[in-house]
All heavy atoms as atom14 arrays in JSON, in Angstrom:
{
  "sequence": "ATGEKLVGFLEWMGAEALDFVVGDADDPIQIPLERVHAVSIANKPKL",
  "atom14_mask": [
    [1, 1, 1, 1, 1, 0, 0, 0, 0, 0, 0, 0, 0, 0],
    [1, 1, 1, 1, 1, 1, 1, 0, 0, 0, 0, 0, 0, 0],
    [1, 1, 1, 1, 0, 0, 0, 0, 0, 0, 0, 0, 0, 0],
    [1, 1, 1, 1, 1, 1, 1, 1, 1, 0, 0, 0, 0, 0],
    [1, 1, 1, 1, 1, 1, 1, 1, 1, 0, 0, 0, 0, 0],
    [1, 1, 1, 1, 1, 1, 1, 1, 0, 0, 0, 0, 0, 0],
    [1, 1, 1, 1, 1, 1, 1, 0, 0, 0, 0, 0, 0, 0],
    [1, 1, 1, 1, 0, 0, 0, 0, 0, 0, 0, 0, 0, 0],
    [1, 1, 1, 1, 1, 1, 1, 1, 1, 1, 1, 0, 0, 0],
    [1, 1, 1, 1, 1, 1, 1, 1, 0, 0, 0, 0, 0, 0],
    [1, 1, 1, 1, 1, 1, 1, 1, 1, 0, 0, 0, 0, 0],
    [1, 1, 1, 1, 1, 1, 1, 1, 1, 1, 1, 1, 1, 1],
    [1, 1, 1, 1, 1, 1, 1, 1, 0, 0, 0, 0, 0, 0],
    [1, 1, 1, 1, 0, 0, 0, 0, 0, 0, 0, 0, 0, 0],
    [1, 1, 1, 1, 1, 0, 0, 0, 0, 0, 0, 0, 0, 0],
    [1, 1, 1, 1, 1, 1, 1, 1, 1, 0, 0, 0, 0, 0],
    [1, 1, 1, 1, 1, 0, 0, 0, 0, 0, 0, 0, 0, 0],
    [1, 1, 1, 1, 1, 1, 1, 1, 0, 0, 0, 0, 0, 0],
    [1, 1, 1, 1, 1, 1, 1, 1, 0, 0, 0, 0, 0, 0],
    [1, 1, 1, 1, 1, 1, 1, 1, 1, 1, 1, 0, 0, 0],
    [1, 1, 1, 1, 1, 1, 1, 0, 0, 0, 0, 0, 0, 0],
    [1, 1, 1, 1, 1, 1, 1, 0, 0, 0, 0, 0, 0, 0],
    [1, 1, 1, 1, 0, 0, 0, 0, 0, 0, 0, 0, 0, 0],
    [1, 1, 1, 1, 1, 1, 1, 1, 0, 0, 0, 0, 0, 0],
    [1, 1, 1, 1, 1, 0, 0, 0, 0, 0, 0, 0, 0, 0],
    [1, 1, 1, 1, 1, 1, 1, 1, 0, 0, 0, 0, 0, 0],
    [1, 1, 1, 1, 1, 1, 1, 1, 0, 0, 0, 0, 0, 0],
    [1, 1, 1, 1, 1, 1, 1, 0, 0, 0, 0, 0, 0, 0],
    [1, 1, 1, 1, 1, 1, 1, 1, 0, 0, 0, 0, 0, 0],
    [1, 1, 1, 1, 1, 1, 1, 1, 1, 0, 0, 0, 0, 0],
    [1, 1, 1, 1, 1, 1, 1, 1, 0, 0, 0, 0, 0, 0],
    [1, 1, 1, 1, 1, 1, 1, 0, 0, 0, 0, 0, 0, 0],
    [1, 1, 1, 1, 1, 1, 1, 1, 0, 0, 0, 0, 0, 0],
    [1, 1, 1, 1, 1, 1, 1, 1, 1, 0, 0, 0, 0, 0],
    [1, 1, 1, 1, 1, 1, 1, 1, 1, 1, 1, 0, 0, 0],
    [1, 1, 1, 1, 1, 1, 1, 0, 0, 0, 0, 0, 0, 0],
    [1, 1, 1, 1, 1, 1, 1, 1, 1, 1, 0, 0, 0, 0],
    [1, 1, 1, 1, 1, 0, 0, 0, 0, 0, 0, 0, 0, 0],
    [1, 1, 1, 1, 1, 1, 1, 0, 0, 0, 0, 0, 0, 0],
    [1, 1, 1, 1, 1, 1, 0, 0, 0, 0, 0, 0, 0, 0],
    [1, 1, 1, 1, 1, 1, 1, 1, 0, 0, 0, 0, 0, 0],
    [1, 1, 1, 1, 1, 0, 0, 0, 0, 0, 0, 0, 0, 0],
    [1, 1, 1, 1, 1, 1, 1, 1, 0, 0, 0, 0, 0, 0],
    [1, 1, 1, 1, 1, 1, 1, 1, 1, 0, 0, 0, 0, 0],
    [1, 1, 1, 1, 1, 1, 1, 0, 0, 0, 0, 0, 0, 0],
    [1, 1, 1, 1, 1, 1, 1, 1, 1, 0, 0, 0, 0, 0],
    [1, 1, 1, 1, 1, 1, 1, 1, 0, 0, 0, 0, 0, 0]
  ],
  "atom14_positions": [
    [[2.28, -10.09, 4.37], [3.05, -11.19, 4.96], [2.39, -12.53, 4.68], [3.06, -13.56, 4.67], [3.19, -10.96, 6.46], [0.0, 0.0, 0.0], [0.0, 0.0, 0.0], [0.0, 0.0, 0.0], [0.0, 0.0, 0.0], [0.0, 0.0, 0.0], [0.0, 0.0, 0.0], [0.0, 0.0, 0.0], [0.0, 0.0, 0.0], [0.0, 0.0, 0.0]],
    [[1.09, -12.53, 4.42], [0.37, -13.77, 4.13], [0.58, -14.23, 2.69], [0.15, -15.32, 2.33], [-1.13, -13.56, 4.35], [-1.59, -12.49, 3.49], [-1.43, -13.18, 5.8], [0.0, 0.0, 0.0], [0.0, 0.0, 0.0], [0.0, 0.0, 0.0], [0.0, 0.0, 0.0], [0.0, 0.0, 0.0], [0.0, 0.0, 0.0], [0.0, 0.0, 0.0]],
    [[1.23, -13.4, 1.86], [1.38, -13.7, 0.44], [0.3, -13.07, -0.41], [0.39, -13.06, -1.65], [0.0, 0.0, 0.0], [0.0, 0.0, 0.0], [0.0, 0.0, 0.0], [0.0, 0.0, 0.0], [0.0, 0.0, 0.0], [0.0, 0.0, 0.0], [0.0, 0.0, 0.0], [0.0, 0.0, 0.0], [0.0, 0.0, 0.0], [0.0, 0.0, 0.0]],
    [[-0.73, -12.52, 0.22], [-1.83, -11.86, -0.5], [-1.36, -10.53, -1.08], [-0.53, -9.83, -0.48], [-3.0, -11.63, 0.46], [-4.21, -10.96, -0.18], [-5.3, -10.66, 0.83], [-5.06, -10.88, 2.04], [-6.37, -10.19, 0.41], [0.0, 0.0, 0.0], [0.0, 0.0, 0.0], [0.0, 0.0, 0.0], [0.0, 0.0, 0.0], [0.0, 0.0, 0.0]],
    [[-1.9, -10.16, -2.23], [-1.58, -8.89, -2.87], [-2.81, -8.0, -2.91], [-3.9, -8.45, -3.27], [-1.05, -9.1, -4.29], [0.27, -9.83, -4.36], [0.72, -10.03, -5.8], [2.03, -10.82, -5.85], [2.46, -11.07, -7.25], [0.0, 0.0, 0.0], [0.0, 0.0, 0.0], [0.0, 0.0, 0.0], [0.0, 0.0, 0.0], [0.0, 0.0, 0.0]],
    [[-2.63, -6.75, -2.51], [-3.69, -5.75, -2.59], [-3.34, -4.75, -3.67], [-2.22, -4.25, -3.73], [-3.86, -5.03, -1.25], [-4.23, -5.88, -0.04], [-4.41, -4.99, 1.19], [-5.51, -6.67, -0.29], [0.0, 0.0, 0.0], [0.0, 0.0, 0.0], [0.0, 0.0, 0.0], [0.0, 0.0, 0.0], [0.0, 0.0, 0.0], [0.0, 0.0, 0.0]],
    [[-4.3, -4.45, -4.55], [-4.1, -3.52, -5.65], [-4.91, -2.27, -5.4], [-6.09, -2.35, -5.05], [-4.51, -4.16, -7.0], [-4.3, -3.18, -8.15], [-3.7, -5.44, -7.24], [0.0, 0.0, 0.0], [0.0, 0.0, 0.0], [0.0, 0.0, 0.0], [0.0, 0.0, 0.0], [0.0, 0.0, 0.0], [0.0, 0.0, 0.0], [0.0, 0.0, 0.0]],
    [[-4.31, -1.11, -5.57], [-5.03, 0.13, -5.34], [-4.11, 1.33, -5.38], [-3.31, 1.49, -6.31], [0.0, 0.0, 0.0], [0.0, 0.0, 0.0], [0.0, 0.0, 0.0], [0.0, 0.0, 0.0], [0.0, 0.0, 0.0], [0.0, 0.0, 0.0], [0.0, 0.0, 0.0], [0.0, 0.0, 0.0], [0.0, 0.0, 0.0], [0.0, 0.0, 0.0]],
    [[-4.16, 2.17, -4.31], [-3.39, 3.42, -4.29], [-2.79, 3.63, -2.92], [-3.5, 3.61, -1.9], [-4.3, 4.61, -4.65], [-3.63, 5.94, -4.52], [-2.64, 6.33, -5.43], [-3.95, 6.81, -3.49], [-2.0, 7.56, -5.31], [-3.33, 8.04, -3.36], [-2.35, 8.41, -4.28], [0.0, 0.0, 0.0], [0.0, 0.0, 0.0], [0.0, 0.0, 0.0]],
    [[-1.46, 3.82, -2.88], [-0.77, 4.12, -1.63], [-0.93, 5.6, -1.33], [-0.46, 6.45, -2.09], [0.71, 3.75, -1.75], [1.58, 4.08, -0.54], [1.19, 3.22, 0.66], [3.06, 3.9, -0.88], [0.0, 0.0, 0.0], [0.0, 0.0, 0.0], [0.0, 0.0, 0.0], [0.0, 0.0, 0.0], [0.0, 0.0, 0.0], [0.0, 0.0, 0.0]],
    [[-1.57, 5.91, -0.21], [-1.85, 7.31, 0.12], [-0.83, 7.91, 1.07], [-0.47, 9.08, 0.96], [-3.25, 7.41, 0.74], [-3.74, 8.83, 0.88], [-5.21, 8.87, 1.25], [-5.5, 8.82, 2.47], [-6.06, 8.96, 0.34], [0.0, 0.0, 0.0], [0.0, 0.0, 0.0], [0.0, 0.0, 0.0], [0.0, 0.0, 0.0], [0.0, 0.0, 0.0]],
    [[-0.31, 7.09, 2.0], [0.61, 7.63, 3.01], [1.35, 6.49, 3.66], [0.83, 5.37, 3.79], [-0.18, 8.42, 4.05], [0.61, 8.87, 5.25], [1.4, 9.98, 5.35], [0.67, 8.21, 6.52], [1.95, 10.05, 6.61], [1.52, 8.98, 7.35], [0.08, 7.06, 7.04], [1.8, 8.62, 8.66], [0.37, 6.7, 8.34], [1.22, 7.48, 9.14]],
    [[2.6, 6.76, 4.11], [3.39, 5.78, 4.86], [3.95, 6.45, 6.09], [4.54, 7.53, 6.01], [4.52, 5.21, 4.0], [4.08, 4.52, 2.74], [5.43, 3.69, 1.86], [5.67, 2.24, 2.91], [0.0, 0.0, 0.0], [0.0, 0.0, 0.0], [0.0, 0.0, 0.0], [0.0, 0.0, 0.0], [0.0, 0.0, 0.0], [0.0, 0.0, 0.0]],
    [[3.77, 5.8, 7.23], [4.28, 6.33, 8.48], [5.32, 5.42, 9.08], [5.81, 4.49, 8.44], [0.0, 0.0, 0.0], [0.0, 0.0, 0.0], [0.0, 0.0, 0.0], [0.0, 0.0, 0.0], [0.0, 0.0, 0.0], [0.0, 0.0, 0.0], [0.0, 0.0, 0.0], [0.0, 0.0, 0.0], [0.0, 0.0, 0.0], [0.0, 0.0, 0.0]],
    [[5.65, 5.68, 10.33], [6.69, 4.9, 11.0], [6.25, 3.47, 11.27], [7.06, 2.54, 11.24], [7.09, 5.57, 12.31], [0.0, 0.0, 0.0], [0.0, 0.0, 0.0], [0.0, 0.0, 0.0], [0.0, 0.0, 0.0], [0.0, 0.0, 0.0], [0.0, 0.0, 0.0], [0.0, 0.0, 0.0], [0.0, 0.0, 0.0], [0.0, 0.0, 0.0]],
    [[4.94, 3.26, 11.51], [4.46, 1.94, 11.9], [3.3, 1.43, 11.05], [2.89, 0.28, 11.21], [4.04, 1.95, 13.37], [5.19, 2.28, 14.33], [4.75, 2.3, 15.78], [3.53, 2.16, 16.02], [5.62, 2.45, 16.65], [0.0, 0.0, 0.0], [0.0, 0.0, 0.0], [0.0, 0.0, 0.0], [0.0, 0.0, 0.0], [0.0, 0.0, 0.0]],
    [[2.77, 2.26, 10.16], [1.61, 1.84, 9.36], [1.58, 2.63, 8.06], [2.33, 3.6, 7.87], [0.32, 2.05, 10.15], [0.0, 0.0, 0.0], [0.0, 0.0, 0.0], [0.0, 0.0, 0.0], [0.0, 0.0, 0.0], [0.0, 0.0, 0.0], [0.0, 0.0, 0.0], [0.0, 0.0, 0.0], [0.0, 0.0, 0.0], [0.0, 0.0, 0.0]],
    [[0.7, 2.2, 7.15], [0.47, 2.93, 5.91], [-1.02, 2.99, 5.63], [-1.81, 2.17, 6.13], [1.22, 2.28, 4.74], [0.96, 0.81, 4.41], [-0.31, 0.62, 3.58], [2.14, 0.23, 3.64], [0.0, 0.0, 0.0], [0.0, 0.0, 0.0], [0.0, 0.0, 0.0], [0.0, 0.0, 0.0], [0.0, 0.0, 0.0], [0.0, 0.0, 0.0]],
    [[-1.42, 3.98, 4.83], [-2.81, 4.1, 4.38], [-2.89, 3.68, 2.93], [-2.13, 4.2, 2.09], [-3.3, 5.55, 4.54], [-3.5, 5.94, 6.0], [-3.5, 5.02, 6.85], [-3.64, 7.14, 6.28], [0.0, 0.0, 0.0], [0.0, 0.0, 0.0], [0.0, 0.0, 0.0], [0.0, 0.0, 0.0], [0.0, 0.0, 0.0], [0.0, 0.0, 0.0]],
    [[-3.81, 2.76, 2.63], [-3.91, 2.21, 1.28], [-5.37, 2.14, 0.86], [-6.22, 1.62, 1.6], [-3.29, 0.8, 1.24], [-3.04, 0.28, -0.14], [-1.92, 0.68, -0.86], [-3.92, -0.61, -0.74], [-1.67, 0.2, -2.14], [-3.69, -1.1, -2.01], [-2.57, -0.7, -2.72], [0.0, 0.0, 0.0], [0.0, 0.0, 0.0], [0.0, 0.0, 0.0]],
    [[-5.65, 2.67, -0.32], [-7.0, 2.61, -0.89], [-7.08, 1.37, -1.77], [-6.36, 1.27, -2.77], [-7.31, 3.87, -1.72], [-8.72, 3.77, -2.32], [-7.18, 5.13, -0.87], [0.0, 0.0, 0.0], [0.0, 0.0, 0.0], [0.0, 0.0, 0.0], [0.0, 0.0, 0.0], [0.0, 0.0, 0.0], [0.0, 0.0, 0.0], [0.0, 0.0, 0.0]],
    [[-7.91, 0.42, -1.4], [-8.03, -0.84, -2.14], [-9.02, -0.68, -3.28], [-10.17, -0.27, -3.06], [-8.47, -1.99, -1.21], [-8.6, -3.3, -2.0], [-7.48, -2.17, -0.07], [0.0, 0.0, 0.0], [0.0, 0.0, 0.0], [0.0, 0.0, 0.0], [0.0, 0.0, 0.0], [0.0, 0.0, 0.0], [0.0, 0.0, 0.0], [0.0, 0.0, 0.0]],
    [[-8.58, -0.98, -4.49], [-9.46, -0.92, -5.65], [-10.08, 0.44, -5.85], [-9.39, 1.46, -5.84], [0.0, 0.0, 0.0], [0.0, 0.0, 0.0], [0.0, 0.0, 0.0], [0.0, 0.0, 0.0], [0.0, 0.0, 0.0], [0.0, 0.0, 0.0], [0.0, 0.0, 0.0], [0.0, 0.0, 0.0], [0.0, 0.0, 0.0], [0.0, 0.0, 0.0]],
    [[-11.4, 0.46, -5.98], [-12.14, 1.71, -6.22], [-12.8, 2.23, -4.95], [-13.75, 3.04, -5.02], [-13.2, 1.48, -7.29], [-12.6, 1.12, -8.64], [-11.51, 1.63, -8.93], [-13.22, 0.33, -9.38], [0.0, 0.0, 0.0], [0.0, 0.0, 0.0], [0.0, 0.0, 0.0], [0.0, 0.0, 0.0], [0.0, 0.0, 0.0], [0.0, 0.0, 0.0]],
    [[-12.33, 1.8, -3.8], [-12.92, 2.24, -2.54], [-12.75, 3.75, -2.37], [-11.85, 4.37, -2.95], [-12.29, 1.5, -1.37], [0.0, 0.0, 0.0], [0.0, 0.0, 0.0], [0.0, 0.0, 0.0], [0.0, 0.0, 0.0], [0.0, 0.0, 0.0], [0.0, 0.0, 0.0], [0.0, 0.0, 0.0], [0.0, 0.0, 0.0], [0.0, 0.0, 0.0]],
    [[-13.61, 4.34, -1.58], [-13.56, 5.78, -1.35], [-12.55, 6.16, -0.28], [-11.93, 7.23, -0.35], [-14.95, 6.29, -0.95], [-15.96, 6.16, -2.09], [-15.54, 6.27, -3.26], [-17.15, 5.93, -1.8], [0.0, 0.0, 0.0], [0.0, 0.0, 0.0], [0.0, 0.0, 0.0], [0.0, 0.0, 0.0], [0.0, 0.0, 0.0], [0.0, 0.0, 0.0]],
    [[-12.41, 5.32, 0.72], [-11.56, 5.66, 1.86], [-10.42, 4.65, 2.01], [-10.58, 3.46, 1.7], [-12.39, 5.69, 3.15], [-13.49, 6.72, 3.09], [-13.21, 7.85, 2.65], [-14.63, 6.39, 3.47], [0.0, 0.0, 0.0], [0.0, 0.0, 0.0], [0.0, 0.0, 0.0], [0.0, 0.0, 0.0], [0.0, 0.0, 0.0], [0.0, 0.0, 0.0]],
    [[-9.28, 5.11, 2.51], [-8.15, 4.18, 2.71], [-8.33, 3.35, 3.97], [-9.09, 3.71, 4.88], [-6.96, 5.13, 2.84], [-7.54, 6.37, 3.43], [-8.92, 6.5, 2.85], [0.0, 0.0, 0.0], [0.0, 0.0, 0.0], [0.0, 0.0, 0.0], [0.0, 0.0, 0.0], [0.0, 0.0, 0.0], [0.0, 0.0, 0.0], [0.0, 0.0, 0.0]],
    [[-7.63, 2.22, 4.0], [-7.55, 1.44, 5.22], [-6.13, 1.54, 5.74], [-5.19, 1.71, 4.97], [-7.93, -0.04, 4.98], [-7.0, -0.67, 3.91], [-9.38, -0.18, 4.58], [-7.21, -2.16, 3.75], [0.0, 0.0, 0.0], [0.0, 0.0, 0.0], [0.0, 0.0, 0.0], [0.0, 0.0, 0.0], [0.0, 0.0, 0.0], [0.0, 0.0, 0.0]],
    [[-5.98, 1.46, 7.05], [-4.65, 1.55, 7.64], [-4.14, 0.14, 7.93], [-4.83, -0.67, 8.55], [-4.66, 2.38, 8.92], [-3.26, 2.69, 9.43], [-3.25, 3.8, 10.47], [-3.3, 3.53, 11.66], [-3.19, 5.05, 10.01], [0.0, 0.0, 0.0], [0.0, 0.0, 0.0], [0.0, 0.0, 0.0], [0.0, 0.0, 0.0], [0.0, 0.0, 0.0]],
    [[-2.94, -0.15, 7.46], [-2.35, -1.48, 7.59], [-1.03, -1.35, 8.34], [-0.15, -0.58, 7.92], [-2.11, -2.12, 6.21], [-3.43, -2.2, 5.43], [-1.49, -3.51, 6.37], [-3.25, -2.72, 4.01], [0.0, 0.0, 0.0], [0.0, 0.0, 0.0], [0.0, 0.0, 0.0], [0.0, 0.0, 0.0], [0.0, 0.0, 0.0], [0.0, 0.0, 0.0]],
    [[-0.85, -2.08, 9.42], [0.45, -2.04, 10.14], [1.58, -2.55, 9.23], [1.41, -3.52, 8.49], [0.23, -2.97, 11.32], [-1.26, -3.06, 11.49], [-1.83, -2.93, 10.11], [0.0, 0.0, 0.0], [0.0, 0.0, 0.0], [0.0, 0.0, 0.0], [0.0, 0.0, 0.0], [0.0, 0.0, 0.0], [0.0, 0.0, 0.0], [0.0, 0.0, 0.0]],
    [[2.72, -1.9, 9.31], [3.84, -2.29, 8.46], [4.34, -3.69, 8.78], [4.96, -4.34, 7.93], [4.98, -1.29, 8.6], [4.75, 0.09, 7.97], [5.99, 0.95, 8.13], [4.39, -0.04, 6.51], [0.0, 0.0, 0.0], [0.0, 0.0, 0.0], [0.0, 0.0, 0.0], [0.0, 0.0, 0.0], [0.0, 0.0, 0.0], [0.0, 0.0, 0.0]],
    [[4.1, -4.18, 9.99], [4.52, -5.54, 10.33], [3.78, -6.59, 9.51], [4.23, -7.74, 9.42], [4.31, -5.8, 11.82], [2.86, -5.73, 12.26], [2.69, -5.88, 13.76], [3.69, -5.7, 14.5], [1.56, -6.16, 14.2], [0.0, 0.0, 0.0], [0.0, 0.0, 0.0], [0.0, 0.0, 0.0], [0.0, 0.0, 0.0], [0.0, 0.0, 0.0]],
    [[2.69, -6.17, 8.85], [1.93, -7.09, 7.99], [2.3, -6.93, 6.52], [1.77, -7.63, 5.66], [0.42, -6.83, 8.15], [-0.15, -7.16, 9.51], [-1.62, -6.83, 9.55], [-2.34, -7.44, 8.43], [-3.55, -7.07, 8.04], [-4.18, -6.07, 8.67], [-4.14, -7.66, 7.02], [0.0, 0.0, 0.0], [0.0, 0.0, 0.0], [0.0, 0.0, 0.0]],
    [[3.24, -6.01, 6.22], [3.61, -5.72, 4.83], [5.03, -6.2, 4.57], [5.96, -5.87, 5.31], [3.5, -4.2, 4.54], [3.91, -3.91, 3.11], [2.08, -3.72, 4.82], [0.0, 0.0, 0.0], [0.0, 0.0, 0.0], [0.0, 0.0, 0.0], [0.0, 0.0, 0.0], [0.0, 0.0, 0.0], [0.0, 0.0, 0.0], [0.0, 0.0, 0.0]],
    [[5.21, -6.97, 3.48], [6.55, -7.39, 3.08], [7.14, -6.49, 2.01], [8.35, -6.31, 1.95], [6.53, -8.84, 2.57], [6.59, -9.84, 3.68], [6.75, -11.18, 3.47], [6.53, -9.68, 5.04], [6.78, -11.82, 4.63], [6.64, -10.93, 5.59], [0.0, 0.0, 0.0], [0.0, 0.0, 0.0], [0.0, 0.0, 0.0], [0.0, 0.0, 0.0]],
    [[6.27, -5.93, 1.15], [6.77, -5.05, 0.08], [5.63, -4.21, -0.45], [4.46, -4.56, -0.32], [7.39, -5.87, -1.05], [0.0, 0.0, 0.0], [0.0, 0.0, 0.0], [0.0, 0.0, 0.0], [0.0, 0.0, 0.0], [0.0, 0.0, 0.0], [0.0, 0.0, 0.0], [0.0, 0.0, 0.0], [0.0, 0.0, 0.0], [0.0, 0.0, 0.0]],
    [[6.0, -3.07, -1.03], [5.03, -2.22, -1.71], [5.66, -1.74, -3.01], [6.83, -1.37, -3.05], [4.62, -1.01, -0.83], [5.83, -0.22, -0.36], [3.66, -0.11, -1.58], [0.0, 0.0, 0.0], [0.0, 0.0, 0.0], [0.0, 0.0, 0.0], [0.0, 0.0, 0.0], [0.0, 0.0, 0.0], [0.0, 0.0, 0.0], [0.0, 0.0, 0.0]],
    [[4.89, -1.81, -4.1], [5.34, -1.31, -5.4], [4.43, -0.17, -5.81], [3.2, -0.26, -5.69], [5.31, -2.42, -6.46], [6.28, -3.41, -6.17], [0.0, 0.0, 0.0], [0.0, 0.0, 0.0], [0.0, 0.0, 0.0], [0.0, 0.0, 0.0], [0.0, 0.0, 0.0], [0.0, 0.0, 0.0], [0.0, 0.0, 0.0], [0.0, 0.0, 0.0]],
    [[5.05, 0.91, -6.29], [4.31, 2.11, -6.67], [4.34, 2.24, -8.19], [5.38, 2.03, -8.82], [4.92, 3.36, -6.01], [4.98, 3.16, -4.49], [4.12, 4.61, -6.34], [5.66, 4.28, -3.74], [0.0, 0.0, 0.0], [0.0, 0.0, 0.0], [0.0, 0.0, 0.0], [0.0, 0.0, 0.0], [0.0, 0.0, 0.0], [0.0, 0.0, 0.0]],
    [[3.2, 2.55, -8.78], [3.07, 2.58, -10.25], [3.7, 3.83, -10.85], [3.06, 4.58, -11.58], [1.59, 2.47, -10.64], [0.0, 0.0, 0.0], [0.0, 0.0, 0.0], [0.0, 0.0, 0.0], [0.0, 0.0, 0.0], [0.0, 0.0, 0.0], [0.0, 0.0, 0.0], [0.0, 0.0, 0.0], [0.0, 0.0, 0.0], [0.0, 0.0, 0.0]],
    [[4.98, 4.05, -10.55], [5.75, 5.12, -11.18], [6.54, 4.54, -12.33], [7.04, 3.42, -12.25], [6.7, 5.76, -10.16], [5.97, 6.52, -9.08], [4.94, 7.14, -9.33], [6.48, 6.47, -7.86], [0.0, 0.0, 0.0], [0.0, 0.0, 0.0], [0.0, 0.0, 0.0], [0.0, 0.0, 0.0], [0.0, 0.0, 0.0], [0.0, 0.0, 0.0]],
    [[6.67, 5.28, -13.39], [7.38, 4.8, -14.58], [8.89, 4.97, -14.4], [9.35, 5.99, -13.88], [6.92, 5.57, -15.82], [5.42, 5.45, -16.11], [5.0, 4.01, -16.31], [3.52, 3.91, -16.63], [3.07, 2.48, -16.72], [0.0, 0.0, 0.0], [0.0, 0.0, 0.0], [0.0, 0.0, 0.0], [0.0, 0.0, 0.0], [0.0, 0.0, 0.0]],
    [[9.68, 3.98, -14.83], [11.14, 4.13, -14.76], [11.62, 5.24, -15.67], [10.96, 5.6, -16.64], [11.65, 2.75, -15.2], [10.55, 2.16, -16.0], [9.28, 2.69, -15.42], [0.0, 0.0, 0.0], [0.0, 0.0, 0.0], [0.0, 0.0, 0.0], [0.0, 0.0, 0.0], [0.0, 0.0, 0.0], [0.0, 0.0, 0.0], [0.0, 0.0, 0.0]],
    [[12.81, 5.76, -15.37], [13.39, 6.82, -16.19], [14.89, 6.63, -16.24], [15.49, 5.97, -15.38], [13.04, 8.2, -15.63], [13.7, 8.5, -14.29], [13.38, 9.91, -13.8], [14.11, 10.21, -12.49], [13.8, 11.57, -11.99], [0.0, 0.0, 0.0], [0.0, 0.0, 0.0], [0.0, 0.0, 0.0], [0.0, 0.0, 0.0], [0.0, 0.0, 0.0]],
    [[15.52, 7.22, -17.24], [16.97, 7.19, -17.35], [17.57, 8.27, -16.47], [17.04, 9.39, -16.37], [17.41, 7.4, -18.8], [17.04, 6.3, -19.8], [17.45, 6.71, -21.22], [17.69, 4.98, -19.43], [0.0, 0.0, 0.0], [0.0, 0.0, 0.0], [0.0, 0.0, 0.0], [0.0, 0.0, 0.0], [0.0, 0.0, 0.0], [0.0, 0.0, 0.0]]
  ]
}
């Protein structure tokens, strides 16, 4: 929501929060969804 972007790995999404591994960190951090405006997952498009 602040405009900041975090790059890493989305591990889990729940009703009110998500777990995200930032960069090369070993453990995920939990971020409330009220602080998230969008998430993009590095999946390749397909026909």
